[in-house]
Amino acid sequence: QWNALIGGYVQAKRGKEALVLFQE
């Protein structure tokens, strides 16, 4: 589930939020 959400942010070109999720 974490990967699905992080991957969604990356696909949407919202890399900053993806990295914030990675830290969480």
PDBML (XML) file of the C-alpha atoms, coordinates in Angstrom:
<?xml version="1.0" encoding="UTF-8" ?>
<PDBx:datablock datablockName="MODEL"
   xmlns:PDBx="http://pdbml.pdb.org/schema/pdbx-v50.xsd"
   xmlns:xsi="http://www.w3.org/2001/XMLSchema-instance"
   xsi:schemaLocation="http://pdbml.pdb.org/schema/pdbx-v50.xsd pdbx-v50.xsd">
   <PDBx:atom_siteCategory>
      <PDBx:atom_site id="1">
         <PDBx:B_iso_or_equiv>0.00</PDBx:B_iso_or_equiv>
         <PDBx:Cartn_x>0.000</PDBx:Cartn_x>
         <PDBx:Cartn_y>0.000</PDBx:Cartn_y>
         <PDBx:Cartn_z>0.000</PDBx:Cartn_z>
         <PDBx:auth_asym_id>A</PDBx:auth_asym_id>
         <PDBx:auth_atom_id>CA</PDBx:auth_atom_id>
         <PDBx:auth_comp_id>GLN</PDBx:auth_comp_id>
         <PDBx:auth_seq_id>1</PDBx:auth_seq_id>
         <PDBx:group_PDB>ATOM</PDBx:group_PDB>
         <PDBx:label_alt_id xsi:nil="true" />
         <PDBx:label_asym_id>A</PDBx:label_asym_id>
         <PDBx:label_atom_id>CA</PDBx:label_atom_id>
         <PDBx:label_comp_id>GLN</PDBx:label_comp_id>
         <PDBx:label_entity_id>1</PDBx:label_entity_id>
         <PDBx:label_seq_id>1</PDBx:label_seq_id>
         <PDBx:occupancy>1.00</PDBx:occupancy>
         <PDBx:pdbx_PDB_model_num>1</PDBx:pdbx_PDB_model_num>
         <PDBx:type_symbol>C</PDBx:type_symbol>
      </PDBx:atom_site>
      <PDBx:atom_site id="2">
         <PDBx:B_iso_or_equiv>0.00</PDBx:B_iso_or_equiv>
         <PDBx:Cartn_x>2.873</PDBx:Cartn_x>
         <PDBx:Cartn_y>2.398</PDBx:Cartn_y>
         <PDBx:Cartn_z>0.762</PDBx:Cartn_z>
         <PDBx:auth_asym_id>A</PDBx:auth_asym_id>
         <PDBx:auth_atom_id>CA</PDBx:auth_atom_id>
         <PDBx:auth_comp_id>TRP</PDBx:auth_comp_id>
         <PDBx:auth_seq_id>2</PDBx:auth_seq_id>
         <PDBx:group_PDB>ATOM</PDBx:group_PDB>
         <PDBx:label_alt_id xsi:nil="true" />
         <PDBx:label_asym_id>A</PDBx:label_asym_id>
         <PDBx:label_atom_id>CA</PDBx:label_atom_id>
         <PDBx:label_comp_id>TRP</PDBx:label_comp_id>
         <PDBx:label_entity_id>1</PDBx:label_entity_id>
         <PDBx:label_seq_id>2</PDBx:label_seq_id>
         <PDBx:occupancy>1.00</PDBx:occupancy>
         <PDBx:pdbx_PDB_model_num>1</PDBx:pdbx_PDB_model_num>
         <PDBx:type_symbol>C</PDBx:type_symbol>
      </PDBx:atom_site>
      <PDBx:atom_site id="3">
         <PDBx:B_iso_or_equiv>0.00</PDBx:B_iso_or_equiv>
         <PDBx:Cartn_x>4.394</PDBx:Cartn_x>
         <PDBx:Cartn_y>1.594</PDBx:Cartn_y>
         <PDBx:Cartn_z>-2.626</PDBx:Cartn_z>
         <PDBx:auth_asym_id>A</PDBx:auth_asym_id>
         <PDBx:auth_atom_id>CA</PDBx:auth_atom_id>
         <PDBx:auth_comp_id>ASN</PDBx:auth_comp_id>
         <PDBx:auth_seq_id>3</PDBx:auth_seq_id>
         <PDBx:group_PDB>ATOM</PDBx:group_PDB>
         <PDBx:label_alt_id xsi:nil="true" />
         <PDBx:label_asym_id>A</PDBx:label_asym_id>
         <PDBx:label_atom_id>CA</PDBx:label_atom_id>
         <PDBx:label_comp_id>ASN</PDBx:label_comp_id>
         <PDBx:label_entity_id>1</PDBx:label_entity_id>
         <PDBx:label_seq_id>3</PDBx:label_seq_id>
         <PDBx:occupancy>1.00</PDBx:occupancy>
         <PDBx:pdbx_PDB_model_num>1</PDBx:pdbx_PDB_model_num>
         <PDBx:type_symbol>C</PDBx:type_symbol>
      </PDBx:atom_site>
      <PDBx:atom_site id="4">
         <PDBx:B_iso_or_equiv>0.00</PDBx:B_iso_or_equiv>
         <PDBx:Cartn_x>1.075</PDBx:Cartn_x>
         <PDBx:Cartn_y>2.172</PDBx:Cartn_y>
         <PDBx:Cartn_z>-4.399</PDBx:Cartn_z>
         <PDBx:auth_asym_id>A</PDBx:auth_asym_id>
         <PDBx:auth_atom_id>CA</PDBx:auth_atom_id>
         <PDBx:auth_comp_id>ALA</PDBx:auth_comp_id>
         <PDBx:auth_seq_id>4</PDBx:auth_seq_id>
         <PDBx:group_PDB>ATOM</PDBx:group_PDB>
         <PDBx:label_alt_id xsi:nil="true" />
         <PDBx:label_asym_id>A</PDBx:label_asym_id>
         <PDBx:label_atom_id>CA</PDBx:label_atom_id>
         <PDBx:label_comp_id>ALA</PDBx:label_comp_id>
         <PDBx:label_entity_id>1</PDBx:label_entity_id>
         <PDBx:label_seq_id>4</PDBx:label_seq_id>
         <PDBx:occupancy>1.00</PDBx:occupancy>
         <PDBx:pdbx_PDB_model_num>1</PDBx:pdbx_PDB_model_num>
         <PDBx:type_symbol>C</PDBx:type_symbol>
      </PDBx:atom_site>
      <PDBx:atom_site id="5">
         <PDBx:B_iso_or_equiv>0.00</PDBx:B_iso_or_equiv>
         <PDBx:Cartn_x>0.698</PDBx:Cartn_x>
         <PDBx:Cartn_y>5.663</PDBx:Cartn_y>
         <PDBx:Cartn_z>-2.939</PDBx:Cartn_z>
         <PDBx:auth_asym_id>A</PDBx:auth_asym_id>
         <PDBx:auth_atom_id>CA</PDBx:auth_atom_id>
         <PDBx:auth_comp_id>LEU</PDBx:auth_comp_id>
         <PDBx:auth_seq_id>5</PDBx:auth_seq_id>
         <PDBx:group_PDB>ATOM</PDBx:group_PDB>
         <PDBx:label_alt_id xsi:nil="true" />
         <PDBx:label_asym_id>A</PDBx:label_asym_id>
         <PDBx:label_atom_id>CA</PDBx:label_atom_id>
         <PDBx:label_comp_id>LEU</PDBx:label_comp_id>
         <PDBx:label_entity_id>1</PDBx:label_entity_id>
         <PDBx:label_seq_id>5</PDBx:label_seq_id>
         <PDBx:occupancy>1.00</PDBx:occupancy>
         <PDBx:pdbx_PDB_model_num>1</PDBx:pdbx_PDB_model_num>
         <PDBx:type_symbol>C</PDBx:type_symbol>
      </PDBx:atom_site>
      <PDBx:atom_site id="6">
         <PDBx:B_iso_or_equiv>0.00</PDBx:B_iso_or_equiv>
         <PDBx:Cartn_x>4.353</PDBx:Cartn_x>
         <PDBx:Cartn_y>6.645</PDBx:Cartn_y>
         <PDBx:Cartn_z>-3.355</PDBx:Cartn_z>
         <PDBx:auth_asym_id>A</PDBx:auth_asym_id>
         <PDBx:auth_atom_id>CA</PDBx:auth_atom_id>
         <PDBx:auth_comp_id>ILE</PDBx:auth_comp_id>
         <PDBx:auth_seq_id>6</PDBx:auth_seq_id>
         <PDBx:group_PDB>ATOM</PDBx:group_PDB>
         <PDBx:label_alt_id xsi:nil="true" />
         <PDBx:label_asym_id>A</PDBx:label_asym_id>
         <PDBx:label_atom_id>CA</PDBx:label_atom_id>
         <PDBx:label_comp_id>ILE</PDBx:label_comp_id>
         <PDBx:label_entity_id>1</PDBx:label_entity_id>
         <PDBx:label_seq_id>6</PDBx:label_seq_id>
         <PDBx:occupancy>1.00</PDBx:occupancy>
         <PDBx:pdbx_PDB_model_num>1</PDBx:pdbx_PDB_model_num>
         <PDBx:type_symbol>C</PDBx:type_symbol>
      </PDBx:atom_site>
      <PDBx:atom_site id="7">
         <PDBx:B_iso_or_equiv>0.00</PDBx:B_iso_or_equiv>
         <PDBx:Cartn_x>4.280</PDBx:Cartn_x>
         <PDBx:Cartn_y>5.375</PDBx:Cartn_y>
         <PDBx:Cartn_z>-6.960</PDBx:Cartn_z>
         <PDBx:auth_asym_id>A</PDBx:auth_asym_id>
         <PDBx:auth_atom_id>CA</PDBx:auth_atom_id>
         <PDBx:auth_comp_id>GLY</PDBx:auth_comp_id>
         <PDBx:auth_seq_id>7</PDBx:auth_seq_id>
         <PDBx:group_PDB>ATOM</PDBx:group_PDB>
         <PDBx:label_alt_id xsi:nil="true" />
         <PDBx:label_asym_id>A</PDBx:label_asym_id>
         <PDBx:label_atom_id>CA</PDBx:label_atom_id>
         <PDBx:label_comp_id>GLY</PDBx:label_comp_id>
         <PDBx:label_entity_id>1</PDBx:label_entity_id>
         <PDBx:label_seq_id>7</PDBx:label_seq_id>
         <PDBx:occupancy>1.00</PDBx:occupancy>
         <PDBx:pdbx_PDB_model_num>1</PDBx:pdbx_PDB_model_num>
         <PDBx:type_symbol>C</PDBx:type_symbol>
      </PDBx:atom_site>
      <PDBx:atom_site id="8">
         <PDBx:B_iso_or_equiv>0.00</PDBx:B_iso_or_equiv>
         <PDBx:Cartn_x>1.118</PDBx:Cartn_x>
         <PDBx:Cartn_y>7.403</PDBx:Cartn_y>
         <PDBx:Cartn_z>-7.618</PDBx:Cartn_z>
         <PDBx:auth_asym_id>A</PDBx:auth_asym_id>
         <PDBx:auth_atom_id>CA</PDBx:auth_atom_id>
         <PDBx:auth_comp_id>GLY</PDBx:auth_comp_id>
         <PDBx:auth_seq_id>8</PDBx:auth_seq_id>
         <PDBx:group_PDB>ATOM</PDBx:group_PDB>
         <PDBx:label_alt_id xsi:nil="true" />
         <PDBx:label_asym_id>A</PDBx:label_asym_id>
         <PDBx:label_atom_id>CA</PDBx:label_atom_id>
         <PDBx:label_comp_id>GLY</PDBx:label_comp_id>
         <PDBx:label_entity_id>1</PDBx:label_entity_id>
         <PDBx:label_seq_id>8</PDBx:label_seq_id>
         <PDBx:occupancy>1.00</PDBx:occupancy>
         <PDBx:pdbx_PDB_model_num>1</PDBx:pdbx_PDB_model_num>
         <PDBx:type_symbol>C</PDBx:type_symbol>
      </PDBx:atom_site>
      <PDBx:atom_site id="9">
         <PDBx:B_iso_or_equiv>0.00</PDBx:B_iso_or_equiv>
         <PDBx:Cartn_x>2.805</PDBx:Cartn_x>
         <PDBx:Cartn_y>10.628</PDBx:Cartn_y>
         <PDBx:Cartn_z>-6.490</PDBx:Cartn_z>
         <PDBx:auth_asym_id>A</PDBx:auth_asym_id>
         <PDBx:auth_atom_id>CA</PDBx:auth_atom_id>
         <PDBx:auth_comp_id>TYR</PDBx:auth_comp_id>
         <PDBx:auth_seq_id>9</PDBx:auth_seq_id>
         <PDBx:group_PDB>ATOM</PDBx:group_PDB>
         <PDBx:label_alt_id xsi:nil="true" />
         <PDBx:label_asym_id>A</PDBx:label_asym_id>
         <PDBx:label_atom_id>CA</PDBx:label_atom_id>
         <PDBx:label_comp_id>TYR</PDBx:label_comp_id>
         <PDBx:label_entity_id>1</PDBx:label_entity_id>
         <PDBx:label_seq_id>9</PDBx:label_seq_id>
         <PDBx:occupancy>1.00</PDBx:occupancy>
         <PDBx:pdbx_PDB_model_num>1</PDBx:pdbx_PDB_model_num>
         <PDBx:type_symbol>C</PDBx:type_symbol>
      </PDBx:atom_site>
      <PDBx:atom_site id="10">
         <PDBx:B_iso_or_equiv>0.00</PDBx:B_iso_or_equiv>
         <PDBx:Cartn_x>5.856</PDBx:Cartn_x>
         <PDBx:Cartn_y>9.876</PDBx:Cartn_y>
         <PDBx:Cartn_z>-8.642</PDBx:Cartn_z>
         <PDBx:auth_asym_id>A</PDBx:auth_asym_id>
         <PDBx:auth_atom_id>CA</PDBx:auth_atom_id>
         <PDBx:auth_comp_id>VAL</PDBx:auth_comp_id>
         <PDBx:auth_seq_id>10</PDBx:auth_seq_id>
         <PDBx:group_PDB>ATOM</PDBx:group_PDB>
         <PDBx:label_alt_id xsi:nil="true" />
         <PDBx:label_asym_id>A</PDBx:label_asym_id>
         <PDBx:label_atom_id>CA</PDBx:label_atom_id>
         <PDBx:label_comp_id>VAL</PDBx:label_comp_id>
         <PDBx:label_entity_id>1</PDBx:label_entity_id>
         <PDBx:label_seq_id>10</PDBx:label_seq_id>
         <PDBx:occupancy>1.00</PDBx:occupancy>
         <PDBx:pdbx_PDB_model_num>1</PDBx:pdbx_PDB_model_num>
         <PDBx:type_symbol>C</PDBx:type_symbol>
      </PDBx:atom_site>
      <PDBx:atom_site id="11">
         <PDBx:B_iso_or_equiv>0.00</PDBx:B_iso_or_equiv>
         <PDBx:Cartn_x>3.658</PDBx:Cartn_x>
         <PDBx:Cartn_y>9.154</PDBx:Cartn_y>
         <PDBx:Cartn_z>-11.665</PDBx:Cartn_z>
         <PDBx:auth_asym_id>A</PDBx:auth_asym_id>
         <PDBx:auth_atom_id>CA</PDBx:auth_atom_id>
         <PDBx:auth_comp_id>GLN</PDBx:auth_comp_id>
         <PDBx:auth_seq_id>11</PDBx:auth_seq_id>
         <PDBx:group_PDB>ATOM</PDBx:group_PDB>
         <PDBx:label_alt_id xsi:nil="true" />
         <PDBx:label_asym_id>A</PDBx:label_asym_id>
         <PDBx:label_atom_id>CA</PDBx:label_atom_id>
         <PDBx:label_comp_id>GLN</PDBx:label_comp_id>
         <PDBx:label_entity_id>1</PDBx:label_entity_id>
         <PDBx:label_seq_id>11</PDBx:label_seq_id>
         <PDBx:occupancy>1.00</PDBx:occupancy>
         <PDBx:pdbx_PDB_model_num>1</PDBx:pdbx_PDB_model_num>
         <PDBx:type_symbol>C</PDBx:type_symbol>
      </PDBx:atom_site>
      <PDBx:atom_site id="12">
         <PDBx:B_iso_or_equiv>0.00</PDBx:B_iso_or_equiv>
         <PDBx:Cartn_x>1.860</PDBx:Cartn_x>
         <PDBx:Cartn_y>12.470</PDBx:Cartn_y>
         <PDBx:Cartn_z>-11.117</PDBx:Cartn_z>
         <PDBx:auth_asym_id>A</PDBx:auth_asym_id>
         <PDBx:auth_atom_id>CA</PDBx:auth_atom_id>
         <PDBx:auth_comp_id>ALA</PDBx:auth_comp_id>
         <PDBx:auth_seq_id>12</PDBx:auth_seq_id>
         <PDBx:group_PDB>ATOM</PDBx:group_PDB>
         <PDBx:label_alt_id xsi:nil="true" />
         <PDBx:label_asym_id>A</PDBx:label_asym_id>
         <PDBx:label_atom_id>CA</PDBx:label_atom_id>
         <PDBx:label_comp_id>ALA</PDBx:label_comp_id>
         <PDBx:label_entity_id>1</PDBx:label_entity_id>
         <PDBx:label_seq_id>12</PDBx:label_seq_id>
         <PDBx:occupancy>1.00</PDBx:occupancy>
         <PDBx:pdbx_PDB_model_num>1</PDBx:pdbx_PDB_model_num>
         <PDBx:type_symbol>C</PDBx:type_symbol>
      </PDBx:atom_site>
      <PDBx:atom_site id="13">
         <PDBx:B_iso_or_equiv>0.00</PDBx:B_iso_or_equiv>
         <PDBx:Cartn_x>5.249</PDBx:Cartn_x>
         <PDBx:Cartn_y>14.267</PDBx:Cartn_y>
         <PDBx:Cartn_z>-11.081</PDBx:Cartn_z>
         <PDBx:auth_asym_id>A</PDBx:auth_asym_id>
         <PDBx:auth_atom_id>CA</PDBx:auth_atom_id>
         <PDBx:auth_comp_id>LYS</PDBx:auth_comp_id>
         <PDBx:auth_seq_id>13</PDBx:auth_seq_id>
         <PDBx:group_PDB>ATOM</PDBx:group_PDB>
         <PDBx:label_alt_id xsi:nil="true" />
         <PDBx:label_asym_id>A</PDBx:label_asym_id>
         <PDBx:label_atom_id>CA</PDBx:label_atom_id>
         <PDBx:label_comp_id>LYS</PDBx:label_comp_id>
         <PDBx:label_entity_id>1</PDBx:label_entity_id>
         <PDBx:label_seq_id>13</PDBx:label_seq_id>
         <PDBx:occupancy>1.00</PDBx:occupancy>
         <PDBx:pdbx_PDB_model_num>1</PDBx:pdbx_PDB_model_num>
         <PDBx:type_symbol>C</PDBx:type_symbol>
      </PDBx:atom_site>
      <PDBx:atom_site id="14">
         <PDBx:B_iso_or_equiv>0.00</PDBx:B_iso_or_equiv>
         <PDBx:Cartn_x>4.796</PDBx:Cartn_x>
         <PDBx:Cartn_y>15.162</PDBx:Cartn_y>
         <PDBx:Cartn_z>-7.422</PDBx:Cartn_z>
         <PDBx:auth_asym_id>A</PDBx:auth_asym_id>
         <PDBx:auth_atom_id>CA</PDBx:auth_atom_id>
         <PDBx:auth_comp_id>ARG</PDBx:auth_comp_id>
         <PDBx:auth_seq_id>14</PDBx:auth_seq_id>
         <PDBx:group_PDB>ATOM</PDBx:group_PDB>
         <PDBx:label_alt_id xsi:nil="true" />
         <PDBx:label_asym_id>A</PDBx:label_asym_id>
         <PDBx:label_atom_id>CA</PDBx:label_atom_id>
         <PDBx:label_comp_id>ARG</PDBx:label_comp_id>
         <PDBx:label_entity_id>1</PDBx:label_entity_id>
         <PDBx:label_seq_id>14</PDBx:label_seq_id>
         <PDBx:occupancy>1.00</PDBx:occupancy>
         <PDBx:pdbx_PDB_model_num>1</PDBx:pdbx_PDB_model_num>
         <PDBx:type_symbol>C</PDBx:type_symbol>
      </PDBx:atom_site>
      <PDBx:atom_site id="15">
         <PDBx:B_iso_or_equiv>0.00</PDBx:B_iso_or_equiv>
         <PDBx:Cartn_x>8.157</PDBx:Cartn_x>
         <PDBx:Cartn_y>13.884</PDBx:Cartn_y>
         <PDBx:Cartn_z>-6.314</PDBx:Cartn_z>
         <PDBx:auth_asym_id>A</PDBx:auth_asym_id>
         <PDBx:auth_atom_id>CA</PDBx:auth_atom_id>
         <PDBx:auth_comp_id>GLY</PDBx:auth_comp_id>
         <PDBx:auth_seq_id>15</PDBx:auth_seq_id>
         <PDBx:group_PDB>ATOM</PDBx:group_PDB>
         <PDBx:label_alt_id xsi:nil="true" />
         <PDBx:label_asym_id>A</PDBx:label_asym_id>
         <PDBx:label_atom_id>CA</PDBx:label_atom_id>
         <PDBx:label_comp_id>GLY</PDBx:label_comp_id>
         <PDBx:label_entity_id>1</PDBx:label_entity_id>
         <PDBx:label_seq_id>15</PDBx:label_seq_id>
         <PDBx:occupancy>1.00</PDBx:occupancy>
         <PDBx:pdbx_PDB_model_num>1</PDBx:pdbx_PDB_model_num>
         <PDBx:type_symbol>C</PDBx:type_symbol>
      </PDBx:atom_site>
      <PDBx:atom_site id="16">
         <PDBx:B_iso_or_equiv>0.00</PDBx:B_iso_or_equiv>
         <PDBx:Cartn_x>8.390</PDBx:Cartn_x>
         <PDBx:Cartn_y>16.042</PDBx:Cartn_y>
         <PDBx:Cartn_z>-3.205</PDBx:Cartn_z>
         <PDBx:auth_asym_id>A</PDBx:auth_asym_id>
         <PDBx:auth_atom_id>CA</PDBx:auth_atom_id>
         <PDBx:auth_comp_id>LYS</PDBx:auth_comp_id>
         <PDBx:auth_seq_id>16</PDBx:auth_seq_id>
         <PDBx:group_PDB>ATOM</PDBx:group_PDB>
         <PDBx:label_alt_id xsi:nil="true" />
         <PDBx:label_asym_id>A</PDBx:label_asym_id>
         <PDBx:label_atom_id>CA</PDBx:label_atom_id>
         <PDBx:label_comp_id>LYS</PDBx:label_comp_id>
         <PDBx:label_entity_id>1</PDBx:label_entity_id>
         <PDBx:label_seq_id>16</PDBx:label_seq_id>
         <PDBx:occupancy>1.00</PDBx:occupancy>
         <PDBx:pdbx_PDB_model_num>1</PDBx:pdbx_PDB_model_num>
         <PDBx:type_symbol>C</PDBx:type_symbol>
      </PDBx:atom_site>
      <PDBx:atom_site id="17">
         <PDBx:B_iso_or_equiv>0.00</PDBx:B_iso_or_equiv>
         <PDBx:Cartn_x>5.247</PDBx:Cartn_x>
         <PDBx:Cartn_y>14.498</PDBx:Cartn_y>
         <PDBx:Cartn_z>-1.665</PDBx:Cartn_z>
         <PDBx:auth_asym_id>A</PDBx:auth_asym_id>
         <PDBx:auth_atom_id>CA</PDBx:auth_atom_id>
         <PDBx:auth_comp_id>GLU</PDBx:auth_comp_id>
         <PDBx:auth_seq_id>17</PDBx:auth_seq_id>
         <PDBx:group_PDB>ATOM</PDBx:group_PDB>
         <PDBx:label_alt_id xsi:nil="true" />
         <PDBx:label_asym_id>A</PDBx:label_asym_id>
         <PDBx:label_atom_id>CA</PDBx:label_atom_id>
         <PDBx:label_comp_id>GLU</PDBx:label_comp_id>
         <PDBx:label_entity_id>1</PDBx:label_entity_id>
         <PDBx:label_seq_id>17</PDBx:label_seq_id>
         <PDBx:occupancy>1.00</PDBx:occupancy>
         <PDBx:pdbx_PDB_model_num>1</PDBx:pdbx_PDB_model_num>
         <PDBx:type_symbol>C</PDBx:type_symbol>
      </PDBx:atom_site>
      <PDBx:atom_site id="18">
         <PDBx:B_iso_or_equiv>0.00</PDBx:B_iso_or_equiv>
         <PDBx:Cartn_x>6.520</PDBx:Cartn_x>
         <PDBx:Cartn_y>11.027</PDBx:Cartn_y>
         <PDBx:Cartn_z>-2.654</PDBx:Cartn_z>
         <PDBx:auth_asym_id>A</PDBx:auth_asym_id>
         <PDBx:auth_atom_id>CA</PDBx:auth_atom_id>
         <PDBx:auth_comp_id>ALA</PDBx:auth_comp_id>
         <PDBx:auth_seq_id>18</PDBx:auth_seq_id>
         <PDBx:group_PDB>ATOM</PDBx:group_PDB>
         <PDBx:label_alt_id xsi:nil="true" />
         <PDBx:label_asym_id>A</PDBx:label_asym_id>
         <PDBx:label_atom_id>CA</PDBx:label_atom_id>
         <PDBx:label_comp_id>ALA</PDBx:label_comp_id>
         <PDBx:label_entity_id>1</PDBx:label_entity_id>
         <PDBx:label_seq_id>18</PDBx:label_seq_id>
         <PDBx:occupancy>1.00</PDBx:occupancy>
         <PDBx:pdbx_PDB_model_num>1</PDBx:pdbx_PDB_model_num>
         <PDBx:type_symbol>C</PDBx:type_symbol>
      </PDBx:atom_site>
      <PDBx:atom_site id="19">
         <PDBx:B_iso_or_equiv>0.00</PDBx:B_iso_or_equiv>
         <PDBx:Cartn_x>9.726</PDBx:Cartn_x>
         <PDBx:Cartn_y>11.580</PDBx:Cartn_y>
         <PDBx:Cartn_z>-0.672</PDBx:Cartn_z>
         <PDBx:auth_asym_id>A</PDBx:auth_asym_id>
         <PDBx:auth_atom_id>CA</PDBx:auth_atom_id>
         <PDBx:auth_comp_id>LEU</PDBx:auth_comp_id>
         <PDBx:auth_seq_id>19</PDBx:auth_seq_id>
         <PDBx:group_PDB>ATOM</PDBx:group_PDB>
         <PDBx:label_alt_id xsi:nil="true" />
         <PDBx:label_asym_id>A</PDBx:label_asym_id>
         <PDBx:label_atom_id>CA</PDBx:label_atom_id>
         <PDBx:label_comp_id>LEU</PDBx:label_comp_id>
         <PDBx:label_entity_id>1</PDBx:label_entity_id>
         <PDBx:label_seq_id>19</PDBx:label_seq_id>
         <PDBx:occupancy>1.00</PDBx:occupancy>
         <PDBx:pdbx_PDB_model_num>1</PDBx:pdbx_PDB_model_num>
         <PDBx:type_symbol>C</PDBx:type_symbol>
      </PDBx:atom_site>
      <PDBx:atom_site id="20">
         <PDBx:B_iso_or_equiv>0.00</PDBx:B_iso_or_equiv>
         <PDBx:Cartn_x>7.777</PDBx:Cartn_x>
         <PDBx:Cartn_y>12.962</PDBx:Cartn_y>
         <PDBx:Cartn_z>2.301</PDBx:Cartn_z>
         <PDBx:auth_asym_id>A</PDBx:auth_asym_id>
         <PDBx:auth_atom_id>CA</PDBx:auth_atom_id>
         <PDBx:auth_comp_id>VAL</PDBx:auth_comp_id>
         <PDBx:auth_seq_id>20</PDBx:auth_seq_id>
         <PDBx:group_PDB>ATOM</PDBx:group_PDB>
         <PDBx:label_alt_id xsi:nil="true" />
         <PDBx:label_asym_id>A</PDBx:label_asym_id>
         <PDBx:label_atom_id>CA</PDBx:label_atom_id>
         <PDBx:label_comp_id>VAL</PDBx:label_comp_id>
         <PDBx:label_entity_id>1</PDBx:label_entity_id>
         <PDBx:label_seq_id>20</PDBx:label_seq_id>
         <PDBx:occupancy>1.00</PDBx:occupancy>
         <PDBx:pdbx_PDB_model_num>1</PDBx:pdbx_PDB_model_num>
         <PDBx:type_symbol>C</PDBx:type_symbol>
      </PDBx:atom_site>
      <PDBx:atom_site id="21">
         <PDBx:B_iso_or_equiv>0.00</PDBx:B_iso_or_equiv>
         <PDBx:Cartn_x>5.710</PDBx:Cartn_x>
         <PDBx:Cartn_y>9.737</PDBx:Cartn_y>
         <PDBx:Cartn_z>2.270</PDBx:Cartn_z>
         <PDBx:auth_asym_id>A</PDBx:auth_asym_id>
         <PDBx:auth_atom_id>CA</PDBx:auth_atom_id>
         <PDBx:auth_comp_id>LEU</PDBx:auth_comp_id>
         <PDBx:auth_seq_id>21</PDBx:auth_seq_id>
         <PDBx:group_PDB>ATOM</PDBx:group_PDB>
         <PDBx:label_alt_id xsi:nil="true" />
         <PDBx:label_asym_id>A</PDBx:label_asym_id>
         <PDBx:label_atom_id>CA</PDBx:label_atom_id>
         <PDBx:label_comp_id>LEU</PDBx:label_comp_id>
         <PDBx:label_entity_id>1</PDBx:label_entity_id>
         <PDBx:label_seq_id>21</PDBx:label_seq_id>
         <PDBx:occupancy>1.00</PDBx:occupancy>
         <PDBx:pdbx_PDB_model_num>1</PDBx:pdbx_PDB_model_num>
         <PDBx:type_symbol>C</PDBx:type_symbol>
      </PDBx:atom_site>
      <PDBx:atom_site id="22">
         <PDBx:B_iso_or_equiv>0.00</PDBx:B_iso_or_equiv>
         <PDBx:Cartn_x>8.927</PDBx:Cartn_x>
         <PDBx:Cartn_y>7.730</PDBx:Cartn_y>
         <PDBx:Cartn_z>2.117</PDBx:Cartn_z>
         <PDBx:auth_asym_id>A</PDBx:auth_asym_id>
         <PDBx:auth_atom_id>CA</PDBx:auth_atom_id>
         <PDBx:auth_comp_id>PHE</PDBx:auth_comp_id>
         <PDBx:auth_seq_id>22</PDBx:auth_seq_id>
         <PDBx:group_PDB>ATOM</PDBx:group_PDB>
         <PDBx:label_alt_id xsi:nil="true" />
         <PDBx:label_asym_id>A</PDBx:label_asym_id>
         <PDBx:label_atom_id>CA</PDBx:label_atom_id>
         <PDBx:label_comp_id>PHE</PDBx:label_comp_id>
         <PDBx:label_entity_id>1</PDBx:label_entity_id>
         <PDBx:label_seq_id>22</PDBx:label_seq_id>
         <PDBx:occupancy>1.00</PDBx:occupancy>
         <PDBx:pdbx_PDB_model_num>1</PDBx:pdbx_PDB_model_num>
         <PDBx:type_symbol>C</PDBx:type_symbol>
      </PDBx:atom_site>
      <PDBx:atom_site id="23">
         <PDBx:B_iso_or_equiv>0.00</PDBx:B_iso_or_equiv>
         <PDBx:Cartn_x>10.147</PDBx:Cartn_x>
         <PDBx:Cartn_y>9.488</PDBx:Cartn_y>
         <PDBx:Cartn_z>5.266</PDBx:Cartn_z>
         <PDBx:auth_asym_id>A</PDBx:auth_asym_id>
         <PDBx:auth_atom_id>CA</PDBx:auth_atom_id>
         <PDBx:auth_comp_id>GLN</PDBx:auth_comp_id>
         <PDBx:auth_seq_id>23</PDBx:auth_seq_id>
         <PDBx:group_PDB>ATOM</PDBx:group_PDB>
         <PDBx:label_alt_id xsi:nil="true" />
         <PDBx:label_asym_id>A</PDBx:label_asym_id>
         <PDBx:label_atom_id>CA</PDBx:label_atom_id>
         <PDBx:label_comp_id>GLN</PDBx:label_comp_id>
         <PDBx:label_entity_id>1</PDBx:label_entity_id>
         <PDBx:label_seq_id>23</PDBx:label_seq_id>
         <PDBx:occupancy>1.00</PDBx:occupancy>
         <PDBx:pdbx_PDB_model_num>1</PDBx:pdbx_PDB_model_num>
         <PDBx:type_symbol>C</PDBx:type_symbol>
      </PDBx:atom_site>
      <PDBx:atom_site id="24">
         <PDBx:B_iso_or_equiv>0.00</PDBx:B_iso_or_equiv>
         <PDBx:Cartn_x>6.805</PDBx:Cartn_x>
         <PDBx:Cartn_y>8.821</PDBx:Cartn_y>
         <PDBx:Cartn_z>7.020</PDBx:Cartn_z>
         <PDBx:auth_asym_id>A</PDBx:auth_asym_id>
         <PDBx:auth_atom_id>CA</PDBx:auth_atom_id>
         <PDBx:auth_comp_id>GLU</PDBx:auth_comp_id>
         <PDBx:auth_seq_id>24</PDBx:auth_seq_id>
         <PDBx:group_PDB>ATOM</PDBx:group_PDB>
         <PDBx:label_alt_id xsi:nil="true" />
         <PDBx:label_asym_id>A</PDBx:label_asym_id>
         <PDBx:label_atom_id>CA</PDBx:label_atom_id>
         <PDBx:label_comp_id>GLU</PDBx:label_comp_id>
         <PDBx:label_entity_id>1</PDBx:label_entity_id>
         <PDBx:label_seq_id>24</PDBx:label_seq_id>
         <PDBx:occupancy>1.00</PDBx:occupancy>
         <PDBx:pdbx_PDB_model_num>1</PDBx:pdbx_PDB_model_num>
         <PDBx:type_symbol>C</PDBx:type_symbol>
      </PDBx:atom_site>
   </PDBx:atom_siteCategory>
</PDBx:datablock>
